[in-house]
Amino acid sequence: LGGGTFDASVVALTESERSVLASEGIAT
């Protein structure tokens, strides 16, 4: 939750890689 927007993301972590699997956001 930033100053102007909200984002939620599911992220898969491996030893060398971070992959954003999916995101939801509220721009307002």
mmCIF file of all heavy atoms, coordinates in Angstrom:
data_MODEL
# 
_entry.id   MODEL 
# 
loop_
_atom_site.group_PDB 
_atom_site.id 
_atom_site.type_symbol 
_atom_site.label_atom_id 
_atom_site.label_alt_id 
_atom_site.label_comp_id 
_atom_site.label_asym_id 
_atom_site.label_entity_id 
_atom_site.label_seq_id 
_atom_site.pdbx_PDB_ins_code 
_atom_site.Cartn_x 
_atom_site.Cartn_y 
_atom_site.Cartn_z 
_atom_site.occupancy 
_atom_site.B_iso_or_equiv 
_atom_site.pdbx_formal_charge 
_atom_site.auth_seq_id 
_atom_site.auth_comp_id 
_atom_site.auth_asym_id 
_atom_site.auth_atom_id 
_atom_site.pdbx_PDB_model_num 
ATOM 1   N N   . LEU A 1 1  ? 0.859  -1.185  0.000   1.00 0.00 ? 1  LEU A N   1 
ATOM 2   C CA  . LEU A 1 1  ? 0.000  0.000   0.000   1.00 0.00 ? 1  LEU A CA  1 
ATOM 3   C C   . LEU A 1 1  ? 0.893  1.232   0.000   1.00 0.00 ? 1  LEU A C   1 
ATOM 4   O O   . LEU A 1 1  ? 1.498  1.578   1.012   1.00 0.00 ? 1  LEU A O   1 
ATOM 5   C CB  . LEU A 1 1  ? -0.919 0.016   1.225   1.00 0.00 ? 1  LEU A CB  1 
ATOM 6   C CG  . LEU A 1 1  ? -1.901 1.185   1.300   1.00 0.00 ? 1  LEU A CG  1 
ATOM 7   C CD1 . LEU A 1 1  ? -2.926 1.114   0.167   1.00 0.00 ? 1  LEU A CD1 1 
ATOM 8   C CD2 . LEU A 1 1  ? -2.635 1.194   2.647   1.00 0.00 ? 1  LEU A CD2 1 
ATOM 9   N N   . GLY A 1 2  ? 1.007  1.861   -1.160  1.00 0.00 ? 2  GLY A N   1 
ATOM 10  C CA  . GLY A 1 2  ? 1.839  3.050   -1.283  1.00 0.00 ? 2  GLY A CA  1 
ATOM 11  C C   . GLY A 1 2  ? 1.051  4.311   -1.031  1.00 0.00 ? 2  GLY A C   1 
ATOM 12  O O   . GLY A 1 2  ? -0.065 4.282   -0.519  1.00 0.00 ? 2  GLY A O   1 
ATOM 13  N N   . GLY A 1 3  ? 1.612  5.439   -1.426  1.00 0.00 ? 3  GLY A N   1 
ATOM 14  C CA  . GLY A 1 3  ? 0.936  6.709   -1.220  1.00 0.00 ? 3  GLY A CA  1 
ATOM 15  C C   . GLY A 1 3  ? -0.293 6.878   -2.080  1.00 0.00 ? 3  GLY A C   1 
ATOM 16  O O   . GLY A 1 3  ? -1.292 7.452   -1.649  1.00 0.00 ? 3  GLY A O   1 
ATOM 17  N N   . GLY A 1 4  ? -0.224 6.349   -3.325  1.00 0.00 ? 4  GLY A N   1 
ATOM 18  C CA  . GLY A 1 4  ? -1.336 6.569   -4.240  1.00 0.00 ? 4  GLY A CA  1 
ATOM 19  C C   . GLY A 1 4  ? -1.990 5.334   -4.797  1.00 0.00 ? 4  GLY A C   1 
ATOM 20  O O   . GLY A 1 4  ? -3.075 5.413   -5.373  1.00 0.00 ? 4  GLY A O   1 
ATOM 21  N N   . THR A 1 5  ? -1.363 4.164   -4.656  1.00 0.00 ? 5  THR A N   1 
ATOM 22  C CA  . THR A 1 5  ? -1.916 2.942   -5.229  1.00 0.00 ? 5  THR A CA  1 
ATOM 23  C C   . THR A 1 5  ? -1.747 1.767   -4.281  1.00 0.00 ? 5  THR A C   1 
ATOM 24  O O   . THR A 1 5  ? -0.937 1.801   -3.350  1.00 0.00 ? 5  THR A O   1 
ATOM 25  C CB  . THR A 1 5  ? -1.232 2.577   -6.562  1.00 0.00 ? 5  THR A CB  1 
ATOM 26  O OG1 . THR A 1 5  ? 0.164  2.345   -6.317  1.00 0.00 ? 5  THR A OG1 1 
ATOM 27  C CG2 . THR A 1 5  ? -1.401 3.688   -7.588  1.00 0.00 ? 5  THR A CG2 1 
ATOM 28  N N   . PHE A 1 6  ? -2.524 0.713   -4.559  1.00 0.00 ? 6  PHE A N   1 
ATOM 29  C CA  . PHE A 1 6  ? -2.389 -0.544  -3.816  1.00 0.00 ? 6  PHE A CA  1 
ATOM 30  C C   . PHE A 1 6  ? -2.118 -1.673  -4.791  1.00 0.00 ? 6  PHE A C   1 
ATOM 31  O O   . PHE A 1 6  ? -2.738 -1.752  -5.857  1.00 0.00 ? 6  PHE A O   1 
ATOM 32  C CB  . PHE A 1 6  ? -3.659 -0.865  -3.025  1.00 0.00 ? 6  PHE A CB  1 
ATOM 33  C CG  . PHE A 1 6  ? -3.674 -2.271  -2.500  1.00 0.00 ? 6  PHE A CG  1 
ATOM 34  C CD1 . PHE A 1 6  ? -2.870 -2.619  -1.434  1.00 0.00 ? 6  PHE A CD1 1 
ATOM 35  C CD2 . PHE A 1 6  ? -4.449 -3.246  -3.104  1.00 0.00 ? 6  PHE A CD2 1 
ATOM 36  C CE1 . PHE A 1 6  ? -2.832 -3.930  -0.967  1.00 0.00 ? 6  PHE A CE1 1 
ATOM 37  C CE2 . PHE A 1 6  ? -4.430 -4.557  -2.647  1.00 0.00 ? 6  PHE A CE2 1 
ATOM 38  C CZ  . PHE A 1 6  ? -3.626 -4.901  -1.566  1.00 0.00 ? 6  PHE A CZ  1 
ATOM 39  N N   . ASP A 1 7  ? -1.189 -2.557  -4.430  1.00 0.00 ? 7  ASP A N   1 
ATOM 40  C CA  . ASP A 1 7  ? -0.879 -3.726  -5.244  1.00 0.00 ? 7  ASP A CA  1 
ATOM 41  C C   . ASP A 1 7  ? -0.658 -4.929  -4.344  1.00 0.00 ? 7  ASP A C   1 
ATOM 42  O O   . ASP A 1 7  ? -0.047 -4.817  -3.279  1.00 0.00 ? 7  ASP A O   1 
ATOM 43  C CB  . ASP A 1 7  ? 0.388  -3.495  -6.080  1.00 0.00 ? 7  ASP A CB  1 
ATOM 44  C CG  . ASP A 1 7  ? 0.215  -2.379  -7.087  1.00 0.00 ? 7  ASP A CG  1 
ATOM 45  O OD1 . ASP A 1 7  ? -0.439 -2.622  -8.118  1.00 0.00 ? 7  ASP A OD1 1 
ATOM 46  O OD2 . ASP A 1 7  ? 0.709  -1.268  -6.827  1.00 0.00 ? 7  ASP A OD2 1 
ATOM 47  N N   . ALA A 1 8  ? -1.138 -6.082  -4.799  1.00 0.00 ? 8  ALA A N   1 
ATOM 48  C CA  . ALA A 1 8  ? -0.851 -7.356  -4.147  1.00 0.00 ? 8  ALA A CA  1 
ATOM 49  C C   . ALA A 1 8  ? -0.336 -8.305  -5.213  1.00 0.00 ? 8  ALA A C   1 
ATOM 50  O O   . ALA A 1 8  ? -0.898 -8.378  -6.302  1.00 0.00 ? 8  ALA A O   1 
ATOM 51  C CB  . ALA A 1 8  ? -2.108 -7.923  -3.491  1.00 0.00 ? 8  ALA A CB  1 
ATOM 52  N N   . SER A 1 9  ? 0.748  -9.010  -4.901  1.00 0.00 ? 9  SER A N   1 
ATOM 53  C CA  . SER A 1 9  ? 1.365  -9.902  -5.887  1.00 0.00 ? 9  SER A CA  1 
ATOM 54  C C   . SER A 1 9  ? 1.766  -11.220 -5.247  1.00 0.00 ? 9  SER A C   1 
ATOM 55  O O   . SER A 1 9  ? 2.286  -11.242 -4.125  1.00 0.00 ? 9  SER A O   1 
ATOM 56  C CB  . SER A 1 9  ? 2.609  -9.259  -6.507  1.00 0.00 ? 9  SER A CB  1 
ATOM 57  O OG  . SER A 1 9  ? 2.289  -8.052  -7.162  1.00 0.00 ? 9  SER A OG  1 
ATOM 58  N N   . VAL A 1 10 ? 1.515  -12.312 -5.950  1.00 0.00 ? 10 VAL A N   1 
ATOM 59  C CA  . VAL A 1 10 ? 2.027  -13.618 -5.551  1.00 0.00 ? 10 VAL A CA  1 
ATOM 60  C C   . VAL A 1 10 ? 3.354  -13.813 -6.284  1.00 0.00 ? 10 VAL A C   1 
ATOM 61  O O   . VAL A 1 10 ? 3.413  -13.706 -7.515  1.00 0.00 ? 10 VAL A O   1 
ATOM 62  C CB  . VAL A 1 10 ? 1.048  -14.746 -5.922  1.00 0.00 ? 10 VAL A CB  1 
ATOM 63  C CG1 . VAL A 1 10 ? 1.675  -16.110 -5.622  1.00 0.00 ? 10 VAL A CG1 1 
ATOM 64  C CG2 . VAL A 1 10 ? -0.258 -14.585 -5.160  1.00 0.00 ? 10 VAL A CG2 1 
ATOM 65  N N   . VAL A 1 11 ? 4.409  -14.062 -5.510  1.00 0.00 ? 11 VAL A N   1 
ATOM 66  C CA  . VAL A 1 11 ? 5.752  -14.163 -6.088  1.00 0.00 ? 11 VAL A CA  1 
ATOM 67  C C   . VAL A 1 11 ? 6.381  -15.491 -5.697  1.00 0.00 ? 11 VAL A C   1 
ATOM 68  O O   . VAL A 1 11 ? 6.394  -15.864 -4.523  1.00 0.00 ? 11 VAL A O   1 
ATOM 69  C CB  . VAL A 1 11 ? 6.652  -13.001 -5.593  1.00 0.00 ? 11 VAL A CB  1 
ATOM 70  C CG1 . VAL A 1 11 ? 8.008  -13.058 -6.283  1.00 0.00 ? 11 VAL A CG1 1 
ATOM 71  C CG2 . VAL A 1 11 ? 5.981  -11.658 -5.835  1.00 0.00 ? 11 VAL A CG2 1 
ATOM 72  N N   . ALA A 1 12 ? 6.886  -16.207 -6.696  1.00 0.00 ? 12 ALA A N   1 
ATOM 73  C CA  . ALA A 1 12 ? 7.609  -17.459 -6.459  1.00 0.00 ? 12 ALA A CA  1 
ATOM 74  C C   . ALA A 1 12 ? 9.095  -17.152 -6.344  1.00 0.00 ? 12 ALA A C   1 
ATOM 75  O O   . ALA A 1 12 ? 9.658  -16.431 -7.173  1.00 0.00 ? 12 ALA A O   1 
ATOM 76  C CB  . ALA A 1 12 ? 7.354  -18.442 -7.599  1.00 0.00 ? 12 ALA A CB  1 
ATOM 77  N N   . LEU A 1 13 ? 9.720  -17.677 -5.308  1.00 0.00 ? 13 LEU A N   1 
ATOM 78  C CA  . LEU A 1 13 ? 11.140 -17.445 -5.065  1.00 0.00 ? 13 LEU A CA  1 
ATOM 79  C C   . LEU A 1 13 ? 11.921 -18.738 -5.252  1.00 0.00 ? 13 LEU A C   1 
ATOM 80  O O   . LEU A 1 13 ? 11.550 -19.783 -4.723  1.00 0.00 ? 13 LEU A O   1 
ATOM 81  C CB  . LEU A 1 13 ? 11.362 -16.938 -3.628  1.00 0.00 ? 13 LEU A CB  1 
ATOM 82  C CG  . LEU A 1 13 ? 10.487 -15.788 -3.119  1.00 0.00 ? 13 LEU A CG  1 
ATOM 83  C CD1 . LEU A 1 13 ? 10.821 -15.494 -1.663  1.00 0.00 ? 13 LEU A CD1 1 
ATOM 84  C CD2 . LEU A 1 13 ? 10.699 -14.553 -3.962  1.00 0.00 ? 13 LEU A CD2 1 
ATOM 85  N N   . THR A 1 14 ? 12.991 -18.668 -6.001  1.00 0.00 ? 14 THR A N   1 
ATOM 86  C CA  . THR A 1 14 ? 13.951 -19.766 -6.056  1.00 0.00 ? 14 THR A CA  1 
ATOM 87  C C   . THR A 1 14 ? 15.304 -19.197 -5.661  1.00 0.00 ? 14 THR A C   1 
ATOM 88  O O   . THR A 1 14 ? 15.418 -18.008 -5.328  1.00 0.00 ? 14 THR A O   1 
ATOM 89  C CB  . THR A 1 14 ? 14.031 -20.391 -7.470  1.00 0.00 ? 14 THR A CB  1 
ATOM 90  O OG1 . THR A 1 14 ? 14.602 -19.431 -8.366  1.00 0.00 ? 14 THR A OG1 1 
ATOM 91  C CG2 . THR A 1 14 ? 12.659 -20.812 -7.964  1.00 0.00 ? 14 THR A CG2 1 
ATOM 92  N N   . GLU A 1 15 ? 16.319 -20.001 -5.714  1.00 0.00 ? 15 GLU A N   1 
ATOM 93  C CA  . GLU A 1 15 ? 17.643 -19.535 -5.276  1.00 0.00 ? 15 GLU A CA  1 
ATOM 94  C C   . GLU A 1 15 ? 18.131 -18.346 -6.079  1.00 0.00 ? 15 GLU A C   1 
ATOM 95  O O   . GLU A 1 15 ? 18.820 -17.477 -5.554  1.00 0.00 ? 15 GLU A O   1 
ATOM 96  C CB  . GLU A 1 15 ? 18.638 -20.688 -5.360  1.00 0.00 ? 15 GLU A CB  1 
ATOM 97  C CG  . GLU A 1 15 ? 19.992 -20.345 -4.751  1.00 0.00 ? 15 GLU A CG  1 
ATOM 98  C CD  . GLU A 1 15 ? 20.889 -21.552 -4.644  1.00 0.00 ? 15 GLU A CD  1 
ATOM 99  O OE1 . GLU A 1 15 ? 20.397 -22.683 -4.843  1.00 0.00 ? 15 GLU A OE1 1 
ATOM 100 O OE2 . GLU A 1 15 ? 22.079 -21.365 -4.359  1.00 0.00 ? 15 GLU A OE2 1 
ATOM 101 N N   . SER A 1 16 ? 17.765 -18.278 -7.359  1.00 0.00 ? 16 SER A N   1 
ATOM 102 C CA  . SER A 1 16 ? 18.292 -17.204 -8.205  1.00 0.00 ? 16 SER A CA  1 
ATOM 103 C C   . SER A 1 16 ? 17.226 -16.431 -8.971  1.00 0.00 ? 16 SER A C   1 
ATOM 104 O O   . SER A 1 16 ? 17.559 -15.525 -9.717  1.00 0.00 ? 16 SER A O   1 
ATOM 105 C CB  . SER A 1 16 ? 19.293 -17.782 -9.218  1.00 0.00 ? 16 SER A CB  1 
ATOM 106 O OG  . SER A 1 16 ? 18.647 -18.710 -10.073 1.00 0.00 ? 16 SER A OG  1 
ATOM 107 N N   . GLU A 1 17 ? 15.960 -16.785 -8.778  1.00 0.00 ? 17 GLU A N   1 
ATOM 108 C CA  . GLU A 1 17 ? 14.921 -16.155 -9.579  1.00 0.00 ? 17 GLU A CA  1 
ATOM 109 C C   . GLU A 1 17 ? 13.712 -15.789 -8.732  1.00 0.00 ? 17 GLU A C   1 
ATOM 110 O O   . GLU A 1 17 ? 13.311 -16.531 -7.848  1.00 0.00 ? 17 GLU A O   1 
ATOM 111 C CB  . GLU A 1 17 ? 14.490 -17.105 -10.712 1.00 0.00 ? 17 GLU A CB  1 
ATOM 112 C CG  . GLU A 1 17 ? 13.511 -16.489 -11.696 1.00 0.00 ? 17 GLU A CG  1 
ATOM 113 C CD  . GLU A 1 17 ? 13.244 -17.429 -12.862 1.00 0.00 ? 17 GLU A CD  1 
ATOM 114 O OE1 . GLU A 1 17 ? 14.107 -17.516 -13.758 1.00 0.00 ? 17 GLU A OE1 1 
ATOM 115 O OE2 . GLU A 1 17 ? 12.190 -18.081 -12.862 1.00 0.00 ? 17 GLU A OE2 1 
ATOM 116 N N   . ARG A 1 18 ? 13.133 -14.604 -9.012  1.00 0.00 ? 18 ARG A N   1 
ATOM 117 C CA  . ARG A 1 18 ? 11.896 -14.156 -8.387  1.00 0.00 ? 18 ARG A CA  1 
ATOM 118 C C   . ARG A 1 18 ? 10.886 -13.951 -9.506  1.00 0.00 ? 18 ARG A C   1 
ATOM 119 O O   . ARG A 1 18 ? 11.090 -13.100 -10.386 1.00 0.00 ? 18 ARG A O   1 
ATOM 120 C CB  . ARG A 1 18 ? 12.103 -12.841 -7.639  1.00 0.00 ? 18 ARG A CB  1 
ATOM 121 C CG  . ARG A 1 18 ? 12.662 -13.004 -6.212  1.00 0.00 ? 18 ARG A CG  1 
ATOM 122 C CD  . ARG A 1 18 ? 14.073 -13.512 -6.174  1.00 0.00 ? 18 ARG A CD  1 
ATOM 123 N NE  . ARG A 1 18 ? 14.596 -13.538 -4.821  1.00 0.00 ? 18 ARG A NE  1 
ATOM 124 C CZ  . ARG A 1 18 ? 15.068 -14.611 -4.221  1.00 0.00 ? 18 ARG A CZ  1 
ATOM 125 N NH1 . ARG A 1 18 ? 15.061 -15.776 -4.844  1.00 0.00 ? 18 ARG A NH1 1 
ATOM 126 N NH2 . ARG A 1 18 ? 15.555 -14.554 -2.996  1.00 0.00 ? 18 ARG A NH2 1 
ATOM 127 N N   . SER A 1 19 ? 9.793  -14.720 -9.508  1.00 0.00 ? 19 SER A N   1 
ATOM 128 C CA  . SER A 1 19 ? 8.805  -14.649 -10.581 1.00 0.00 ? 19 SER A CA  1 
ATOM 129 C C   . SER A 1 19 ? 7.461  -14.175 -10.044 1.00 0.00 ? 19 SER A C   1 
ATOM 130 O O   . SER A 1 19 ? 6.913  -14.779 -9.117  1.00 0.00 ? 19 SER A O   1 
ATOM 131 C CB  . SER A 1 19 ? 8.624  -16.023 -11.237 1.00 0.00 ? 19 SER A CB  1 
ATOM 132 O OG  . SER A 1 19 ? 9.824  -16.477 -11.807 1.00 0.00 ? 19 SER A OG  1 
ATOM 133 N N   . VAL A 1 20 ? 6.959  -13.087 -10.618 1.00 0.00 ? 20 VAL A N   1 
ATOM 134 C CA  . VAL A 1 20 ? 5.632  -12.595 -10.250 1.00 0.00 ? 20 VAL A CA  1 
ATOM 135 C C   . VAL A 1 20 ? 4.605  -13.468 -10.962 1.00 0.00 ? 20 VAL A C   1 
ATOM 136 O O   . VAL A 1 20 ? 4.486  -13.424 -12.185 1.00 0.00 ? 20 VAL A O   1 
ATOM 137 C CB  . VAL A 1 20 ? 5.459  -11.114 -10.648 1.00 0.00 ? 20 VAL A CB  1 
ATOM 138 C CG1 . VAL A 1 20 ? 4.061  -10.635 -10.268 1.00 0.00 ? 20 VAL A CG1 1 
ATOM 139 C CG2 . VAL A 1 20 ? 6.520  -10.256 -9.972  1.00 0.00 ? 20 VAL A CG2 1 
ATOM 140 N N   . LEU A 1 21 ? 3.869  -14.263 -10.209 1.00 0.00 ? 21 LEU A N   1 
ATOM 141 C CA  . LEU A 1 21 ? 2.905  -15.186 -10.790 1.00 0.00 ? 21 LEU A CA  1 
ATOM 142 C C   . LEU A 1 21 ? 1.587  -14.506 -11.128 1.00 0.00 ? 21 LEU A C   1 
ATOM 143 O O   . LEU A 1 21 ? 0.953  -14.819 -12.136 1.00 0.00 ? 21 LEU A O   1 
ATOM 144 C CB  . LEU A 1 21 ? 2.651  -16.357 -9.831  1.00 0.00 ? 21 LEU A CB  1 
ATOM 145 C CG  . LEU A 1 21 ? 3.881  -17.161 -9.414  1.00 0.00 ? 21 LEU A CG  1 
ATOM 146 C CD1 . LEU A 1 21 ? 3.492  -18.260 -8.445  1.00 0.00 ? 21 LEU A CD1 1 
ATOM 147 C CD2 . LEU A 1 21 ? 4.574  -17.757 -10.639 1.00 0.00 ? 21 LEU A CD2 1 
ATOM 148 N N   . ALA A 1 22 ? 1.164  -13.583 -10.279 1.00 0.00 ? 22 ALA A N   1 
ATOM 149 C CA  . ALA A 1 22 ? -0.103 -12.885 -10.510 1.00 0.00 ? 22 ALA A CA  1 
ATOM 150 C C   . ALA A 1 22 ? -0.160 -11.646 -9.628  1.00 0.00 ? 22 ALA A C   1 
ATOM 151 O O   . ALA A 1 22 ? 0.484  -11.588 -8.574  1.00 0.00 ? 22 ALA A O   1 
ATOM 152 C CB  . ALA A 1 22 ? -1.287 -13.794 -10.207 1.00 0.00 ? 22 ALA A CB  1 
ATOM 153 N N   . SER A 1 23 ? -0.917 -10.658 -10.063 1.00 0.00 ? 23 SER A N   1 
ATOM 154 C CA  . SER A 1 23 ? -1.060 -9.411  -9.309  1.00 0.00 ? 23 SER A CA  1 
ATOM 155 C C   . SER A 1 23 ? -2.494 -8.916  -9.353  1.00 0.00 ? 23 SER A C   1 
ATOM 156 O O   . SER A 1 23 ? -3.235 -9.178  -10.307 1.00 0.00 ? 23 SER A O   1 
ATOM 157 C CB  . SER A 1 23 ? -0.143 -8.315  -9.872  1.00 0.00 ? 23 SER A CB  1 
ATOM 158 O OG  . SER A 1 23 ? 1.217  -8.650  -9.710  1.00 0.00 ? 23 SER A OG  1 
ATOM 159 N N   . GLU A 1 24 ? -2.876 -8.219  -8.312  1.00 0.00 ? 24 GLU A N   1 
ATOM 160 C CA  . GLU A 1 24 ? -4.141 -7.485  -8.260  1.00 0.00 ? 24 GLU A CA  1 
ATOM 161 C C   . GLU A 1 24 ? -3.803 -6.070  -7.814  1.00 0.00 ? 24 GLU A C   1 
ATOM 162 O O   . GLU A 1 24 ? -2.872 -5.871  -7.041  1.00 0.00 ? 24 GLU A O   1 
ATOM 163 C CB  . GLU A 1 24 ? -5.125 -8.116  -7.271  1.00 0.00 ? 24 GLU A CB  1 
ATOM 164 C CG  . GLU A 1 24 ? -5.714 -9.433  -7.713  1.00 0.00 ? 24 GLU A CG  1 
ATOM 165 C CD  . GLU A 1 24 ? -6.760 -9.285  -8.802  1.00 0.00 ? 24 GLU A CD  1 
ATOM 166 O OE1 . GLU A 1 24 ? -7.216 -8.140  -9.033  1.00 0.00 ? 24 GLU A OE1 1 
ATOM 167 O OE2 . GLU A 1 24 ? -7.115 -10.303 -9.420  1.00 0.00 ? 24 GLU A OE2 1 
ATOM 168 N N   . GLY A 1 25 ? -4.524 -5.101  -8.281  1.00 0.00 ? 25 GLY A N   1 
ATOM 169 C CA  . GLY A 1 25 ? -4.226 -3.728  -7.881  1.00 0.00 ? 25 GLY A CA  1 
ATOM 170 C C   . GLY A 1 25 ? -5.451 -2.848  -7.840  1.00 0.00 ? 25 GLY A C   1 
ATOM 171 O O   . GLY A 1 25 ? -6.470 -3.151  -8.460  1.00 0.00 ? 25 GLY A O   1 
ATOM 172 N N   . ILE A 1 26 ? -5.347 -1.778  -7.070  1.00 0.00 ? 26 ILE A N   1 
ATOM 173 C CA  . ILE A 1 26 ? -6.377 -0.738  -7.023  1.00 0.00 ? 26 ILE A CA  1 
ATOM 174 C C   . ILE A 1 26 ? -5.657 0.580   -7.284  1.00 0.00 ? 26 ILE A C   1 
ATOM 175 O O   . ILE A 1 26 ? -4.960 1.104   -6.404  1.00 0.00 ? 26 ILE A O   1 
ATOM 176 C CB  . ILE A 1 26 ? -7.103 -0.701  -5.668  1.00 0.00 ? 26 ILE A CB  1 
ATOM 177 C CG1 . ILE A 1 26 ? -7.677 -2.083  -5.325  1.00 0.00 ? 26 ILE A CG1 1 
ATOM 178 C CG2 . ILE A 1 26 ? -8.225 0.343   -5.692  1.00 0.00 ? 26 ILE A CG2 1 
ATOM 179 C CD1 . ILE A 1 26 ? -8.304 -2.164  -3.953  1.00 0.00 ? 26 ILE A CD1 1 
ATOM 180 N N   . ALA A 1 27 ? -5.798 1.087   -8.487  1.00 0.00 ? 27 ALA A N   1 
ATOM 181 C CA  . ALA A 1 27 ? -5.016 2.245   -8.910  1.00 0.00 ? 27 ALA A CA  1 
ATOM 182 C C   . ALA A 1 27 ? -5.441 3.535   -8.222  1.00 0.00 ? 27 ALA A C   1 
ATOM 183 O O   . ALA A 1 27 ? -4.709 4.522   -8.245  1.00 0.00 ? 27 ALA A O   1 
ATOM 184 C CB  . ALA A 1 27 ? -5.116 2.410   -10.421 1.00 0.00 ? 27 ALA A CB  1 
ATOM 185 N N   . THR A 1 28 ? -6.618 3.551   -7.627  1.00 0.00 ? 28 THR A N   1 
ATOM 186 C CA  . THR A 1 28 ? -7.141 4.786   -7.028  1.00 0.00 ? 28 THR A CA  1 
ATOM 187 C C   . THR A 1 28 ? -7.155 4.733   -5.506  1.00 0.00 ? 28 THR A C   1 
ATOM 188 O O   . THR A 1 28 ? -7.796 5.575   -4.864  1.00 0.00 ? 28 THR A O   1 
ATOM 189 C CB  . THR A 1 28 ? -8.571 5.060   -7.534  1.00 0.00 ? 28 THR A CB  1 
ATOM 190 O OG1 . THR A 1 28 ? -9.402 3.926   -7.226  1.00 0.00 ? 28 THR A OG1 1 
ATOM 191 C CG2 . THR A 1 28 ? -8.567 5.294   -9.032  1.00 0.00 ? 28 THR A CG2 1 
# 
